[in-house]
Amino acid sequence: MLGLIGKRIISAIPSVIGVLVVTFLLTRALPGDPAAFFAGPAATQEAIEQVRHSLGLDKSLLQQFVVYLTDLAHGDLGNSVATGQSVLTEITTRLPASLELTLIALLVSVAIAVPLGVMAATKPGSLIDHACRIVTTAGVSLPAFFTGLLLIYVLYYQLGLAPAPLGRLDIFFSTPTRVTGFYLIDTLLDGDPEAFIGAVKQLILPVITLAIFTMAPLARMTRAAMLEVLSSDFVRTARASGLPKHKIIYTYAFRNAMLPVITTLGMVFSFLLGANVLVEKVFSWPGIGTFAIEALIASDYAPIQGFVLTMALMYVALNLAIDVLYIVIDPRVGFEA
């Protein structure tokens, strides 16, 4: 298994390098002049040139890229011109907020979509099957940001059932001592149950928004995979042998249907990281997506490059985890690889 992991990591290196090159070139193609933006509307041409020189934008693209790679090799992602902070510090501070939201939304989505897909496959044409189709249709049809705005309008503005969408914690609670960056964990470590409940309440609307967005592909793939496995010869043989129905479904059929579901789960996680960018903005969530949008508006190169690099590394780690799960579920995959 270690050899397979090593091969996957080595094979991912060209992809990461390609992401670096493409991101570097695309950020330089953004409209507007960063030097003029940060110099201010009343700045003279001489002042703009001074800012451009301080940012290193007066060098050729090749020289800028070499400087960027040199800094990256030393663990320096640069500084945000807009905030004056290190990009690495900004990312490590904001990333736990995005991961907490993404992971909880993914857990909620899996907890609902996978059982729903299994029940729909075992009872085709039933009310559960129709409910599964409604969920998948709604999830595909509704953009995440629209669902978020709709939930805010109905549950917060009209009914007053949800807290104000103003970040990770209500203003009446103090920020917990930073240990993991995950408020649900840090509030418990602080021994503050009221702040924990407050953090849970703030998560409800954005989690529902992202869960609705991701339940559709998971439920659809689970249903399709289970239908295919349930019609296979070994399942018919198990039924003919008199094995209990629950054992056939969950021990034999579901395990064989898990591989395509896990593949879809990896894609869904990628979708969540992308959808986070808009959902964080809707709910004023101080995550890495909000950081990237603000940097993009300001044509701040270093944060954009740091954001894309972080996402690329997370995708590599995600694909590696999926490969390992493949081997755990079906050891034959490792030998075939």
Protein backbone atom coordinates (compact mmCIF):
# COMPACT_ATOMS: atom_id res chain seq x y z
CA MET A 1 0.00 0.00 0.00
CA LEU A 2 2.86 2.38 0.80
CA GLY A 3 4.27 1.82 -2.69
CA LEU A 4 0.89 2.68 -4.23
CA ILE A 5 0.62 5.84 -2.13
CA GLY A 6 4.12 6.88 -3.19
CA LYS A 7 3.26 6.35 -6.86
CA ARG A 8 0.08 8.42 -6.51
CA ILE A 9 1.98 11.28 -4.88
CA ILE A 10 4.68 11.25 -7.58
CA SER A 11 2.08 11.16 -10.35
CA ALA A 12 0.34 14.19 -8.80
CA ILE A 13 3.46 16.39 -8.93
CA PRO A 14 3.08 17.30 -12.66
CA SER A 15 -0.55 18.24 -12.02
CA VAL A 16 0.43 20.58 -9.16
CA ILE A 17 3.15 22.16 -11.32
CA GLY A 18 0.62 22.65 -14.12
CA VAL A 19 -1.77 24.31 -11.67
CA LEU A 20 1.00 26.66 -10.54
CA VAL A 21 1.84 27.70 -14.11
CA VAL A 22 -1.77 28.16 -15.23
CA THR A 23 -2.72 30.07 -12.07
CA PHE A 24 0.29 32.35 -12.38
CA LEU A 25 -0.54 33.20 -16.00
CA LEU A 26 -4.28 33.64 -15.40
CA THR A 27 -3.80 35.98 -12.46
CA ARG A 28 -1.60 38.17 -14.65
CA ALA A 29 -4.40 38.22 -17.24
CA LEU A 30 -6.93 39.66 -14.78
CA PRO A 31 -8.43 42.98 -15.90
CA GLY A 32 -7.21 46.11 -14.19
CA ASP A 33 -3.85 47.29 -12.90
CA PRO A 34 -3.08 46.17 -9.32
CA ALA A 35 -0.50 48.93 -8.94
CA ALA A 36 -3.05 51.61 -9.87
CA PHE A 37 -5.64 49.99 -7.60
CA PHE A 38 -3.44 50.01 -4.51
CA ALA A 39 -1.88 53.40 -5.29
CA GLY A 40 -5.32 54.98 -5.16
CA PRO A 41 -7.42 57.03 -7.59
CA ALA A 42 -5.50 60.25 -6.86
CA ALA A 43 -2.04 58.75 -7.35
CA THR A 44 0.33 60.14 -9.94
CA GLN A 45 1.95 58.00 -12.62
CA GLU A 46 5.20 58.15 -10.70
CA ALA A 47 3.51 56.84 -7.55
CA ILE A 48 1.90 54.04 -9.55
CA GLU A 49 5.28 53.05 -10.97
CA GLN A 50 6.75 52.98 -7.47
CA VAL A 51 3.98 50.67 -6.29
CA ARG A 52 4.47 48.48 -9.37
CA HIS A 53 8.19 48.25 -8.60
CA SER A 54 7.54 47.38 -4.94
CA LEU A 55 5.18 44.61 -6.03
CA GLY A 56 7.70 43.27 -8.55
CA LEU A 57 5.26 43.79 -11.41
CA ASP A 58 7.81 45.71 -13.47
CA LYS A 59 9.74 42.49 -14.11
CA SER A 60 9.10 40.11 -16.98
CA LEU A 61 6.64 37.25 -16.51
CA LEU A 62 9.49 34.73 -16.45
CA GLN A 63 11.33 36.67 -13.75
CA GLN A 64 8.15 36.99 -11.70
CA PHE A 65 7.51 33.26 -12.02
CA VAL A 66 11.06 32.38 -10.94
CA VAL A 67 10.71 34.67 -7.90
CA TYR A 68 7.36 33.05 -7.08
CA LEU A 69 8.78 29.52 -7.29
CA THR A 70 11.82 30.50 -5.20
CA ASP A 71 9.61 31.94 -2.48
CA LEU A 72 7.34 28.90 -2.67
CA ALA A 73 10.31 26.57 -2.19
CA HIS A 74 11.05 28.42 1.07
CA GLY A 75 7.44 28.09 2.22
CA ASP A 76 6.66 31.72 1.46
CA LEU A 77 3.36 32.27 -0.34
CA GLY A 78 3.87 36.02 -0.33
CA ASN A 79 1.93 38.78 1.39
CA SER A 80 -1.54 40.09 0.68
CA VAL A 81 -1.25 43.68 -0.48
CA ALA A 82 -4.82 44.37 0.61
CA THR A 83 -4.42 43.17 4.22
CA GLY A 84 -0.66 43.33 4.63
CA GLN A 85 -0.71 39.86 6.19
CA SER A 86 1.18 36.78 5.12
CA VAL A 87 -0.89 34.66 2.73
CA LEU A 88 0.16 31.52 4.59
CA THR A 89 -1.10 33.02 7.86
CA GLU A 90 -4.39 34.06 6.26
CA ILE A 91 -4.93 30.61 4.77
CA THR A 92 -4.10 28.68 7.95
CA THR A 93 -6.41 30.98 9.89
CA ARG A 94 -9.35 30.77 7.49
CA LEU A 95 -9.04 27.20 6.18
CA PRO A 96 -10.45 25.51 9.33
CA ALA A 97 -13.63 27.58 8.97
CA SER A 98 -14.13 26.32 5.41
CA LEU A 99 -13.23 22.73 6.30
CA GLU A 100 -15.60 22.69 9.28
CA LEU A 101 -18.48 23.85 7.11
CA THR A 102 -17.59 21.53 4.22
CA LEU A 103 -17.04 18.38 6.29
CA ILE A 104 -20.21 18.76 8.34
CA ALA A 105 -22.25 19.44 5.21
CA LEU A 106 -20.72 16.35 3.61
CA LEU A 107 -21.53 14.20 6.65
CA VAL A 108 -25.14 15.40 6.66
CA SER A 109 -25.40 14.80 2.93
CA VAL A 110 -23.99 11.27 3.17
CA ALA A 111 -26.17 10.42 6.18
CA ILE A 112 -29.30 11.30 4.18
CA ALA A 113 -28.43 10.55 0.56
CA VAL A 114 -26.82 7.11 0.90
CA PRO A 115 -29.63 5.46 2.93
CA LEU A 116 -32.16 7.18 0.68
CA GLY A 117 -30.44 5.78 -2.42
CA VAL A 118 -30.27 2.27 -0.92
CA MET A 119 -33.96 2.28 0.06
CA ALA A 120 -34.95 3.65 -3.36
CA ALA A 121 -33.03 0.86 -5.09
CA THR A 122 -34.55 -1.88 -2.93
CA LYS A 123 -38.08 -0.50 -3.43
CA PRO A 124 -38.24 0.84 -7.01
CA GLY A 125 -41.43 2.70 -7.85
CA SER A 126 -42.31 3.28 -4.19
CA LEU A 127 -42.84 6.59 -2.39
CA ILE A 128 -39.22 6.47 -1.21
CA ASP A 129 -38.06 6.06 -4.80
CA HIS A 130 -40.12 9.06 -5.87
CA ALA A 131 -38.79 11.06 -2.91
CA CYS A 132 -35.26 10.20 -4.03
CA ARG A 133 -35.99 11.52 -7.51
CA ILE A 134 -37.46 14.74 -6.10
CA VAL A 135 -34.37 15.28 -3.94
CA THR A 136 -32.00 14.68 -6.83
CA THR A 137 -33.98 16.96 -9.14
CA ALA A 138 -34.12 19.76 -6.57
CA GLY A 139 -30.44 19.44 -5.76
CA VAL A 140 -29.43 19.66 -9.40
CA SER A 141 -31.83 22.49 -10.25
CA LEU A 142 -31.14 24.88 -7.35
CA PRO A 143 -27.82 26.76 -7.27
CA ALA A 144 -26.21 26.76 -3.84
CA PHE A 145 -26.21 30.54 -3.43
CA PHE A 146 -29.93 30.74 -4.38
CA THR A 147 -30.82 28.05 -1.84
CA GLY A 148 -28.85 29.93 0.80
CA LEU A 149 -30.61 33.22 0.09
CA LEU A 150 -34.00 31.47 0.08
CA LEU A 151 -33.31 29.81 3.45
CA ILE A 152 -32.18 33.12 4.94
CA TYR A 153 -35.33 34.88 3.69
CA VAL A 154 -37.74 32.19 4.93
CA LEU A 155 -36.15 30.84 8.12
CA TYR A 156 -34.45 34.00 9.37
CA TYR A 157 -36.28 37.01 7.94
CA GLN A 158 -39.85 35.66 7.74
CA LEU A 159 -40.06 33.06 10.52
CA GLY A 160 -37.20 34.07 12.81
CA LEU A 161 -36.26 30.42 13.40
CA ALA A 162 -32.60 30.74 12.41
CA PRO A 163 -29.87 33.07 13.72
CA ALA A 164 -28.58 35.98 11.69
CA PRO A 165 -26.23 34.84 8.89
CA LEU A 166 -23.29 36.81 10.26
CA GLY A 167 -20.41 34.37 10.53
CA ARG A 168 -19.35 31.45 12.67
CA LEU A 169 -20.51 32.69 16.08
CA ASP A 170 -23.08 35.10 17.43
CA ILE A 171 -21.75 38.45 18.62
CA PHE A 172 -22.85 37.66 22.18
CA PHE A 173 -20.30 34.84 22.44
CA SER A 174 -16.55 35.25 22.69
CA THR A 175 -14.30 33.52 20.19
CA PRO A 176 -12.96 30.25 21.67
CA THR A 177 -9.28 29.71 22.31
CA ARG A 178 -7.77 28.58 19.03
CA VAL A 179 -6.58 24.98 19.24
CA THR A 180 -7.86 23.29 16.08
CA GLY A 181 -9.60 26.22 14.40
CA PHE A 182 -12.85 24.21 14.41
CA TYR A 183 -15.28 26.10 16.64
CA LEU A 184 -17.29 22.98 17.48
CA ILE A 185 -14.16 21.39 18.92
CA ASP A 186 -12.56 24.48 20.42
CA THR A 187 -15.73 25.53 22.29
CA LEU A 188 -15.91 22.05 23.86
CA LEU A 189 -12.24 22.21 24.80
CA ASP A 190 -12.95 25.58 26.44
CA GLY A 191 -15.80 24.00 28.39
CA ASP A 192 -18.32 26.47 26.99
CA PRO A 193 -21.51 24.56 26.03
CA GLU A 194 -23.43 27.75 25.28
CA ALA A 195 -20.84 28.84 22.71
CA PHE A 196 -20.92 25.31 21.27
CA ILE A 197 -24.69 25.51 20.80
CA GLY A 198 -24.26 28.97 19.28
CA ALA A 199 -21.69 27.62 16.80
CA VAL A 200 -24.05 24.76 15.90
CA LYS A 201 -26.90 27.20 15.25
CA GLN A 202 -24.72 29.31 12.96
CA LEU A 203 -23.84 26.18 10.98
CA ILE A 204 -27.43 25.07 10.37
CA LEU A 205 -28.34 27.23 7.37
CA PRO A 206 -25.05 27.00 5.43
CA VAL A 207 -24.85 23.25 6.12
CA ILE A 208 -28.41 22.71 4.82
CA THR A 209 -27.56 24.82 1.76
CA LEU A 210 -24.50 22.75 0.88
CA ALA A 211 -26.14 19.43 1.82
CA ILE A 212 -29.04 20.02 -0.58
CA PHE A 213 -26.51 20.84 -3.28
CA THR A 214 -24.56 17.59 -2.75
CA MET A 215 -27.31 15.10 -1.91
CA ALA A 216 -28.43 14.85 -5.54
CA PRO A 217 -25.35 13.16 -7.07
CA LEU A 218 -24.81 10.95 -4.02
CA ALA A 219 -28.39 9.68 -3.87
CA ARG A 220 -28.53 9.17 -7.64
CA MET A 221 -25.24 7.26 -7.79
CA THR A 222 -26.12 5.12 -4.74
CA ARG A 223 -29.46 4.18 -6.28
CA ALA A 224 -27.95 3.37 -9.68
CA ALA A 225 -25.07 1.35 -8.22
CA MET A 226 -27.36 -0.62 -5.92
CA LEU A 227 -29.81 -1.40 -8.75
CA GLU A 228 -26.95 -2.74 -10.86
CA VAL A 229 -25.55 -4.89 -8.05
CA LEU A 230 -28.96 -6.20 -6.95
CA SER A 231 -29.57 -7.52 -10.46
CA SER A 232 -26.22 -9.37 -10.59
CA ASP A 233 -25.82 -13.14 -10.50
CA PHE A 234 -24.18 -13.42 -7.08
CA VAL A 235 -27.10 -11.57 -5.44
CA ARG A 236 -29.60 -13.90 -7.10
CA THR A 237 -27.52 -16.84 -5.87
CA ALA A 238 -27.52 -15.43 -2.34
CA ARG A 239 -31.29 -15.05 -2.46
CA ALA A 240 -31.71 -18.59 -3.76
CA SER A 241 -29.52 -19.83 -0.90
CA GLY A 242 -31.99 -18.37 1.60
CA LEU A 243 -29.77 -15.68 3.10
CA PRO A 244 -31.59 -12.95 5.06
CA LYS A 245 -32.58 -9.92 3.02
CA HIS A 246 -30.73 -7.39 5.20
CA LYS A 247 -27.52 -9.44 4.93
CA ILE A 248 -27.80 -9.61 1.14
CA ILE A 249 -28.40 -5.86 0.87
CA TYR A 250 -25.87 -4.50 3.37
CA THR A 251 -23.17 -7.19 3.46
CA TYR A 252 -22.97 -8.17 -0.20
CA ALA A 253 -24.77 -5.67 -2.41
CA PHE A 254 -23.87 -2.41 -0.65
CA ARG A 255 -20.18 -3.26 -0.29
CA ASN A 256 -19.91 -3.95 -4.01
CA ALA A 257 -21.80 -0.74 -4.80
CA MET A 258 -19.55 1.42 -2.61
CA LEU A 259 -16.74 1.99 -5.13
CA PRO A 260 -18.70 4.23 -7.53
CA VAL A 261 -20.33 5.91 -4.51
CA ILE A 262 -16.90 6.76 -3.07
CA THR A 263 -15.80 8.11 -6.45
CA THR A 264 -18.87 10.34 -6.47
CA LEU A 265 -18.14 11.31 -2.87
CA GLY A 266 -14.73 12.60 -3.94
CA MET A 267 -16.29 14.62 -6.75
CA VAL A 268 -18.92 15.97 -4.37
CA PHE A 269 -16.22 17.09 -1.95
CA SER A 270 -14.58 18.95 -4.82
CA PHE A 271 -17.92 20.54 -5.70
CA LEU A 272 -18.36 21.59 -2.07
CA LEU A 273 -15.02 23.36 -2.01
CA GLY A 274 -16.06 25.29 -5.11
CA ALA A 275 -19.58 26.03 -3.86
CA ASN A 276 -18.14 27.24 -0.57
CA VAL A 277 -16.86 30.36 -2.28
CA LEU A 278 -20.38 31.71 -2.89
CA VAL A 279 -22.02 30.20 0.19
CA GLU A 280 -19.41 31.77 2.46
CA LYS A 281 -20.12 35.14 0.91
CA VAL A 282 -23.88 34.72 1.39
CA PHE A 283 -23.52 33.77 5.07
CA SER A 284 -20.58 36.11 5.84
CA TRP A 285 -18.53 33.04 6.68
CA PRO A 286 -14.86 33.99 7.28
CA GLY A 287 -13.42 31.12 5.30
CA ILE A 288 -10.88 30.74 2.55
CA GLY A 289 -13.53 31.25 -0.14
CA THR A 290 -14.36 34.74 1.12
CA PHE A 291 -10.64 35.48 1.25
CA ALA A 292 -10.25 34.40 -2.40
CA ILE A 293 -13.20 36.51 -3.63
CA GLU A 294 -11.88 39.63 -1.89
CA ALA A 295 -8.43 39.04 -3.37
CA LEU A 296 -9.91 38.50 -6.82
CA ILE A 297 -11.85 41.77 -6.67
CA ALA A 298 -8.69 43.61 -5.63
CA SER A 299 -6.50 41.83 -8.23
CA ASP A 300 -4.30 40.72 -5.33
CA TYR A 301 -2.12 38.06 -6.95
CA ALA A 302 -0.50 36.35 -3.96
CA PRO A 303 -3.74 35.33 -2.14
CA ILE A 304 -5.30 34.03 -5.37
CA GLN A 305 -2.24 31.91 -6.12
CA GLY A 306 -2.14 30.69 -2.52
CA PHE A 307 -5.84 29.79 -2.63
CA VAL A 308 -5.54 27.81 -5.87
CA LEU A 309 -2.41 26.02 -4.66
CA THR A 310 -4.17 25.07 -1.42
CA MET A 311 -7.16 23.72 -3.34
CA ALA A 312 -4.89 21.75 -5.67
CA LEU A 313 -3.04 20.14 -2.75
CA MET A 314 -6.36 19.29 -1.09
CA TYR A 315 -7.56 17.62 -4.29
CA VAL A 316 -4.35 15.57 -4.42
CA ALA A 317 -4.83 14.51 -0.79
CA LEU A 318 -8.48 13.71 -1.49
CA ASN A 319 -7.66 11.51 -4.49
CA LEU A 320 -5.01 9.75 -2.42
CA ALA A 321 -7.55 9.07 0.34
CA ILE A 322 -10.01 7.70 -2.23
CA ASP A 323 -7.37 5.34 -3.64
CA VAL A 324 -6.63 4.05 -0.15
CA LEU A 325 -10.36 3.55 0.52
CA TYR A 326 -10.62 1.58 -2.71
CA ILE A 327 -7.99 -0.85 -1.44
CA VAL A 328 -9.62 -1.12 1.98
CA ILE A 329 -13.02 -1.92 0.47
CA ASP A 330 -11.77 -4.15 -2.34
CA PRO A 331 -8.12 -5.35 -2.01
CA ARG A 332 -8.20 -6.50 -5.63
CA VAL A 333 -8.01 -2.85 -6.70
CA GLY A 334 -4.50 -2.61 -5.26
CA PHE A 335 -3.29 -5.62 -7.22
CA GLU A 336 -4.91 -4.35 -10.42
CA ALA A 337 -3.25 -0.96 -9.92
